[in-house]
């Protein structure tokens, strides 16, 4: 009976082929798929805000958010869209000499741009054309609180958090690849993302929603007043600026996500399962029945 999942070695080889196909996508298709991925992930992030903004206990709020947010990654993975953090795994194809390094870099840059465009589309549409979802000042306050926290992190804290964030996100992608059926793929993606959200780690594409939404929420006077009641100090509010967000979050989170996905997951599993994948096998000669030592190509 066939197994319902791939072995770790088989997953790594699958990642090589998948990464190669991603790296050679035409630029237009890559951009469109990455825009849709940004939309999916931002909608999931918005869902976490709507569901958890008025929950008193932080732990409970994180668990509720962690149940909702994986929907975004599941939509991306099962629809074939392009996510910057997941595409860090293309490095496995490069290390295996299947994909070209310049294509890997092109993919990261173009998909990053597309994810940003998709995220901003959601932020602007929800902020400008869907005021009903923002009539409660607590929603604006929650957006301000989240964005203020993220924009006032030290760059080192954001970097370290982002490394672990994409380690878990890419493991969600990895486990999704391990499964052979839809339910298995969904469950494989769910649990690592669940943990990433519970831990409150920094994911640059998710932050493409959270931070711009918080910046726009600063224009809501009632939201600012409610944010102070949630513990957002005047100092933190003053430091919630685009420049601080870029320096303290987006730049270190981007670097950390690349390290966590490309190095801690992609390069690690390539090193373990493919770099020296030249297994020794014995085959018996038909004539003398003596074992002949053979080496199979990886």
Protein backbone atom coordinates (compact mmCIF):
# COMPACT_ATOMS: atom_id res chain seq x y z
CA UNK A 1 0.00 0.00 0.00
CA UNK A 2 1.42 3.35 -1.02
CA UNK A 3 2.39 5.76 1.72
CA UNK A 4 0.24 8.85 2.18
CA UNK A 5 3.26 11.12 2.45
CA UNK A 6 6.75 11.63 1.06
CA UNK A 7 9.91 10.84 3.02
CA UNK A 8 12.21 13.71 4.07
CA UNK A 9 14.61 12.88 1.25
CA UNK A 10 11.77 12.78 -1.28
CA UNK A 11 10.47 16.13 -0.04
CA UNK A 12 13.89 17.69 -0.54
CA UNK A 13 14.04 16.40 -4.11
CA UNK A 14 10.52 17.69 -4.70
CA UNK A 15 11.58 21.11 -3.41
CA UNK A 16 14.42 21.09 -5.97
CA UNK A 17 11.99 20.55 -8.85
CA UNK A 18 9.40 22.97 -7.46
CA UNK A 19 12.01 25.67 -6.89
CA UNK A 20 13.31 25.30 -10.43
CA UNK A 21 9.82 25.71 -11.88
CA UNK A 22 9.23 28.77 -9.70
CA UNK A 23 12.53 30.33 -10.74
CA UNK A 24 11.74 30.18 -14.47
CA UNK A 25 8.21 31.56 -14.27
CA UNK A 26 7.70 34.48 -16.69
CA UNK A 27 7.99 37.81 -14.88
CA UNK A 28 4.38 38.81 -15.61
CA UNK A 29 2.96 35.56 -14.24
CA UNK A 30 5.29 35.69 -11.23
CA UNK A 31 4.18 39.23 -10.41
CA UNK A 32 0.47 38.47 -10.75
CA UNK A 33 0.73 35.34 -8.60
CA UNK A 34 2.67 37.25 -5.95
CA UNK A 35 0.09 40.06 -5.90
CA UNK A 36 -2.64 37.50 -5.26
CA UNK A 37 -0.53 35.93 -2.50
CA UNK A 38 -0.23 39.34 -0.83
CA UNK A 39 -3.99 39.72 -1.03
CA UNK A 40 -4.61 36.28 0.50
CA UNK A 41 -2.18 36.81 3.37
CA UNK A 42 -3.44 40.32 4.12
CA UNK A 43 -7.04 39.11 4.23
CA UNK A 44 -5.97 36.43 6.69
CA UNK A 45 -4.14 39.05 8.77
CA UNK A 46 -7.20 41.29 8.71
CA UNK A 47 -9.27 38.34 9.86
CA UNK A 48 -7.00 37.97 12.91
CA UNK A 49 -7.59 41.63 13.80
CA UNK A 50 -11.36 41.42 13.47
CA UNK A 51 -11.51 38.21 15.52
CA UNK A 52 -9.11 39.13 18.32
CA UNK A 53 -9.17 42.92 18.71
CA UNK A 54 -11.55 42.91 21.69
CA UNK A 55 -10.27 39.80 23.49
CA UNK A 56 -8.96 40.81 26.89
CA UNK A 57 -6.39 38.08 27.43
CA UNK A 58 -3.33 38.23 25.11
CA UNK A 59 -2.80 34.48 25.11
CA UNK A 60 -6.37 33.81 24.05
CA UNK A 61 -6.15 36.52 21.39
CA UNK A 62 -3.04 34.90 19.94
CA UNK A 63 -4.63 31.47 19.85
CA UNK A 64 -7.67 32.84 18.02
CA UNK A 65 -5.38 34.63 15.55
CA UNK A 66 -3.30 31.48 15.12
CA UNK A 67 -6.38 29.51 14.09
CA UNK A 68 -7.31 32.07 11.44
CA UNK A 69 -4.00 33.18 9.95
CA UNK A 70 -2.94 29.81 8.43
CA UNK A 71 -5.87 30.17 5.99
CA UNK A 72 -3.72 32.67 4.10
CA UNK A 73 -0.81 30.26 3.58
CA UNK A 74 -3.14 27.39 2.69
CA UNK A 75 -4.78 29.52 -0.01
CA UNK A 76 -1.37 30.48 -1.37
CA UNK A 77 0.07 26.96 -1.40
CA UNK A 78 -2.93 25.18 -2.85
CA UNK A 79 -3.58 27.82 -5.53
CA UNK A 80 0.04 28.00 -6.71
CA UNK A 81 0.63 31.64 -5.78
CA UNK A 82 4.04 33.11 -5.02
CA UNK A 83 5.05 34.15 -1.48
CA UNK A 84 8.38 35.85 -0.79
CA UNK A 85 9.12 33.93 2.38
CA UNK A 86 8.23 30.57 0.85
CA UNK A 87 10.30 31.29 -2.26
CA UNK A 88 13.40 31.41 -0.07
CA UNK A 89 13.34 27.62 -0.53
CA UNK A 90 14.38 28.07 -4.17
CA UNK A 91 17.89 28.10 -2.73
CA UNK A 92 17.67 24.29 -2.59
CA UNK A 93 17.41 24.19 -6.39
CA UNK A 94 20.40 26.54 -6.68
CA UNK A 95 22.55 24.47 -4.33
CA UNK A 96 21.63 21.39 -6.33
CA UNK A 97 22.68 23.26 -9.51
CA UNK A 98 19.17 22.96 -10.92
CA UNK A 99 18.21 26.65 -10.81
CA UNK A 100 20.37 29.70 -11.47
CA UNK A 101 21.27 32.04 -8.65
CA UNK A 102 20.28 35.12 -10.66
CA UNK A 103 16.82 33.64 -11.20
CA UNK A 104 16.56 33.03 -7.46
CA UNK A 105 17.36 36.68 -6.76
CA UNK A 106 14.96 37.85 -9.46
CA UNK A 107 12.21 35.76 -7.90
CA UNK A 108 12.80 37.18 -4.43
CA UNK A 109 12.79 40.78 -5.66
CA UNK A 110 9.79 40.46 -7.96
CA UNK A 111 7.71 38.40 -5.54
CA UNK A 112 8.54 40.79 -2.69
CA UNK A 113 7.24 43.67 -4.82
CA UNK A 114 4.12 41.73 -5.80
CA UNK A 115 3.36 40.74 -2.21
CA UNK A 116 3.69 44.39 -1.18
CA UNK A 117 1.33 45.52 -3.94
CA UNK A 118 -1.26 42.90 -3.00
CA UNK A 119 -1.03 43.77 0.69
CA UNK A 120 -1.44 47.50 0.05
CA UNK A 121 -4.46 46.81 -2.18
CA UNK A 122 -6.16 45.11 0.76
CA UNK A 123 -5.10 47.80 3.24
CA UNK A 124 -6.32 50.66 1.07
CA UNK A 125 -9.58 48.96 0.10
CA UNK A 126 -10.45 48.04 3.68
CA UNK A 127 -9.47 51.46 5.01
CA UNK A 128 -11.12 53.61 2.36
CA UNK A 129 -14.03 51.61 0.99
CA UNK A 130 -15.05 49.34 3.83
CA UNK A 131 -15.55 51.74 6.73
CA UNK A 132 -18.18 49.46 8.27
CA UNK A 133 -15.42 47.14 9.45
CA UNK A 134 -13.70 50.05 11.16
CA UNK A 135 -16.55 51.84 12.92
CA UNK A 136 -15.45 50.34 16.23
CA UNK A 137 -12.54 52.47 17.50
CA UNK A 138 -11.14 49.34 19.15
CA UNK A 139 -10.27 47.93 15.72
CA UNK A 140 -8.29 51.05 14.84
CA UNK A 141 -6.74 50.98 18.31
CA UNK A 142 -5.68 47.38 17.91
CA UNK A 143 -4.12 48.13 14.51
CA UNK A 144 -2.24 51.05 16.05
CA UNK A 145 -1.05 48.94 18.97
CA UNK A 146 0.27 46.16 16.72
CA UNK A 147 1.97 48.55 14.30
CA UNK A 148 3.46 50.63 17.13
CA UNK A 149 4.97 47.52 18.69
CA UNK A 150 6.45 46.34 15.41
CA UNK A 151 7.86 49.72 14.42
CA UNK A 152 9.58 50.25 17.78
CA UNK A 153 11.39 46.91 17.92
CA UNK A 154 15.16 47.11 17.85
CA UNK A 155 16.53 45.93 14.48
CA UNK A 156 18.32 43.02 16.19
CA UNK A 157 15.12 41.88 17.91
CA UNK A 158 13.22 42.05 14.62
CA UNK A 159 16.02 40.15 12.85
CA UNK A 160 16.10 37.29 15.35
CA UNK A 161 12.31 37.07 15.50
CA UNK A 162 12.13 37.00 11.70
CA UNK A 163 14.64 34.15 11.46
CA UNK A 164 12.46 31.93 13.62
CA UNK A 165 9.31 33.17 11.89
CA UNK A 166 10.36 31.99 8.45
CA UNK A 167 11.90 28.83 9.81
CA UNK A 168 8.36 27.92 10.88
CA UNK A 169 6.66 29.29 7.77
CA UNK A 170 8.99 27.36 5.47
CA UNK A 171 8.44 24.25 7.56
CA UNK A 172 4.74 24.77 6.92
CA UNK A 173 5.51 24.81 3.20
CA UNK A 174 7.79 21.78 3.63
CA UNK A 175 5.15 19.72 5.43
CA UNK A 176 2.55 20.76 2.87
CA UNK A 177 4.84 19.31 0.19
CA UNK A 178 5.15 16.13 2.27
CA UNK A 179 1.46 15.28 1.98
CA UNK A 180 -0.15 13.68 -1.06
CA UNK A 181 -3.75 14.71 -0.39
CA UNK A 182 -5.50 18.01 0.25
CA UNK A 183 -6.33 17.38 3.90
CA UNK A 184 -2.75 16.35 4.63
CA UNK A 185 -1.40 19.47 2.92
CA UNK A 186 -3.72 21.70 4.94
CA UNK A 187 -2.76 20.07 8.24
CA UNK A 188 0.93 20.13 7.32
CA UNK A 189 0.78 23.87 6.71
CA UNK A 190 -1.44 24.64 9.69
CA UNK A 191 0.59 23.68 12.74
CA UNK A 192 3.89 25.49 12.03
CA UNK A 193 1.94 28.65 11.14
CA UNK A 194 -0.19 28.25 14.26
CA UNK A 195 2.97 28.21 16.38
CA UNK A 196 4.50 31.16 14.52
CA UNK A 197 1.45 33.32 15.28
CA UNK A 198 1.19 32.21 18.92
CA UNK A 199 4.83 33.21 19.40
CA UNK A 200 4.25 36.61 17.78
CA UNK A 201 7.19 36.37 15.40
CA UNK A 202 8.02 38.80 12.58
CA UNK A 203 6.94 37.88 9.05
CA UNK A 204 7.68 40.63 6.57
CA UNK A 205 4.73 39.92 4.25
CA UNK A 206 2.26 39.83 7.14
CA UNK A 207 3.77 43.11 8.31
CA UNK A 208 2.99 44.56 4.87
CA UNK A 209 -0.59 44.51 6.16
CA UNK A 210 -0.19 45.15 9.88
CA UNK A 211 2.09 48.19 9.72
CA UNK A 212 0.43 50.16 6.88
CA UNK A 213 -2.98 49.50 8.46
CA UNK A 214 -1.70 50.86 11.77
CA UNK A 215 -0.18 53.90 10.06
CA UNK A 216 -3.52 54.71 8.41
CA UNK A 217 -5.37 54.11 11.69
CA UNK A 218 -3.37 56.99 13.23
CA UNK A 219 -5.72 59.31 11.32
CA UNK A 220 -8.65 58.03 13.41
CA UNK A 221 -8.91 60.29 16.46
CA UNK A 222 -11.22 57.90 18.29
CA UNK A 223 -8.85 55.06 17.47
CA UNK A 224 -5.89 56.95 18.94
CA UNK A 225 -7.83 57.64 22.13
CA UNK A 226 -8.77 53.98 22.39
CA UNK A 227 -5.16 52.97 21.71
CA UNK A 228 -3.95 54.90 24.75
CA UNK A 229 -6.34 52.86 26.86
CA UNK A 230 -4.75 49.72 25.40
CA UNK A 231 -1.38 50.88 26.70
CA UNK A 232 0.08 52.62 23.65
CA UNK A 233 2.11 55.47 25.09
CA UNK A 234 2.49 58.88 23.45
CA UNK A 235 6.16 58.05 22.82
CA UNK A 236 5.33 54.83 21.00
CA UNK A 237 2.65 56.59 19.03
CA UNK A 238 5.11 59.28 17.96
CA UNK A 239 7.58 56.62 16.85
CA UNK A 240 4.98 54.91 14.68
CA UNK A 241 6.24 56.36 11.41
CA UNK A 242 6.99 54.94 7.99
CA UNK A 243 10.73 55.55 8.35
CA UNK A 244 10.92 53.82 11.73
CA UNK A 245 8.88 50.93 10.36
CA UNK A 246 11.30 50.47 7.47
CA UNK A 247 14.46 50.74 9.57
CA UNK A 248 13.31 48.85 12.67
CA UNK A 249 11.13 46.22 11.05
CA UNK A 250 10.95 45.82 7.28
CA UNK A 251 14.71 45.74 6.60
CA UNK A 252 15.74 43.43 9.48
CA UNK A 253 12.60 41.29 9.08
CA UNK A 254 13.33 40.81 5.39
CA UNK A 255 16.92 39.78 6.10
CA UNK A 256 15.84 37.53 8.97
CA UNK A 257 13.15 35.85 6.89
CA UNK A 258 15.70 35.09 4.17
CA UNK A 259 18.09 33.59 6.72
CA UNK A 260 15.36 31.56 8.40
CA UNK A 261 13.91 30.20 5.16
CA UNK A 262 16.89 29.92 2.84
CA UNK A 263 19.58 28.94 5.34
CA UNK A 264 17.90 27.39 8.40
CA UNK A 265 15.46 25.32 6.32
CA UNK A 266 16.49 25.17 2.65
CA UNK A 267 20.27 24.93 2.94
CA UNK A 268 20.02 22.77 6.06
CA UNK A 269 17.88 20.06 4.47
CA UNK A 270 19.87 20.19 1.24
CA UNK A 271 23.04 19.62 3.28
CA UNK A 272 21.50 16.71 5.16
CA UNK A 273 19.63 14.93 2.37
CA UNK A 274 21.13 15.92 -0.99
CA UNK A 275 24.70 17.22 -0.73
CA UNK A 276 26.21 13.80 -0.17
CA UNK A 277 23.29 11.81 -1.50
CA UNK A 278 25.37 9.07 -3.10
CA UNK A 279 24.10 6.00 -1.26
CA UNK A 280 26.06 2.78 -1.32
CA UNK A 281 24.11 -0.26 -2.48
CA UNK A 282 25.05 -3.86 -3.11
CA UNK A 283 24.03 -5.68 -6.23
CA UNK A 284 24.74 -9.38 -6.71
CA UNK A 285 26.40 -10.52 -9.95
CA UNK A 286 24.56 -13.22 -11.81
CA UNK A 287 27.78 -15.19 -12.47
CA UNK A 288 29.63 -15.54 -9.20
CA UNK A 289 26.99 -14.31 -6.72
CA UNK A 290 29.60 -11.98 -5.21
CA UNK A 291 28.37 -8.59 -3.98
CA UNK A 292 29.45 -5.77 -6.24
CA UNK A 293 29.72 -2.32 -4.68
CA UNK A 294 27.88 0.29 -6.74
CA UNK A 295 27.17 3.97 -6.36
CA UNK A 296 23.89 5.47 -7.47
CA UNK A 297 23.68 9.00 -8.74
CA UNK A 298 21.82 11.44 -6.53
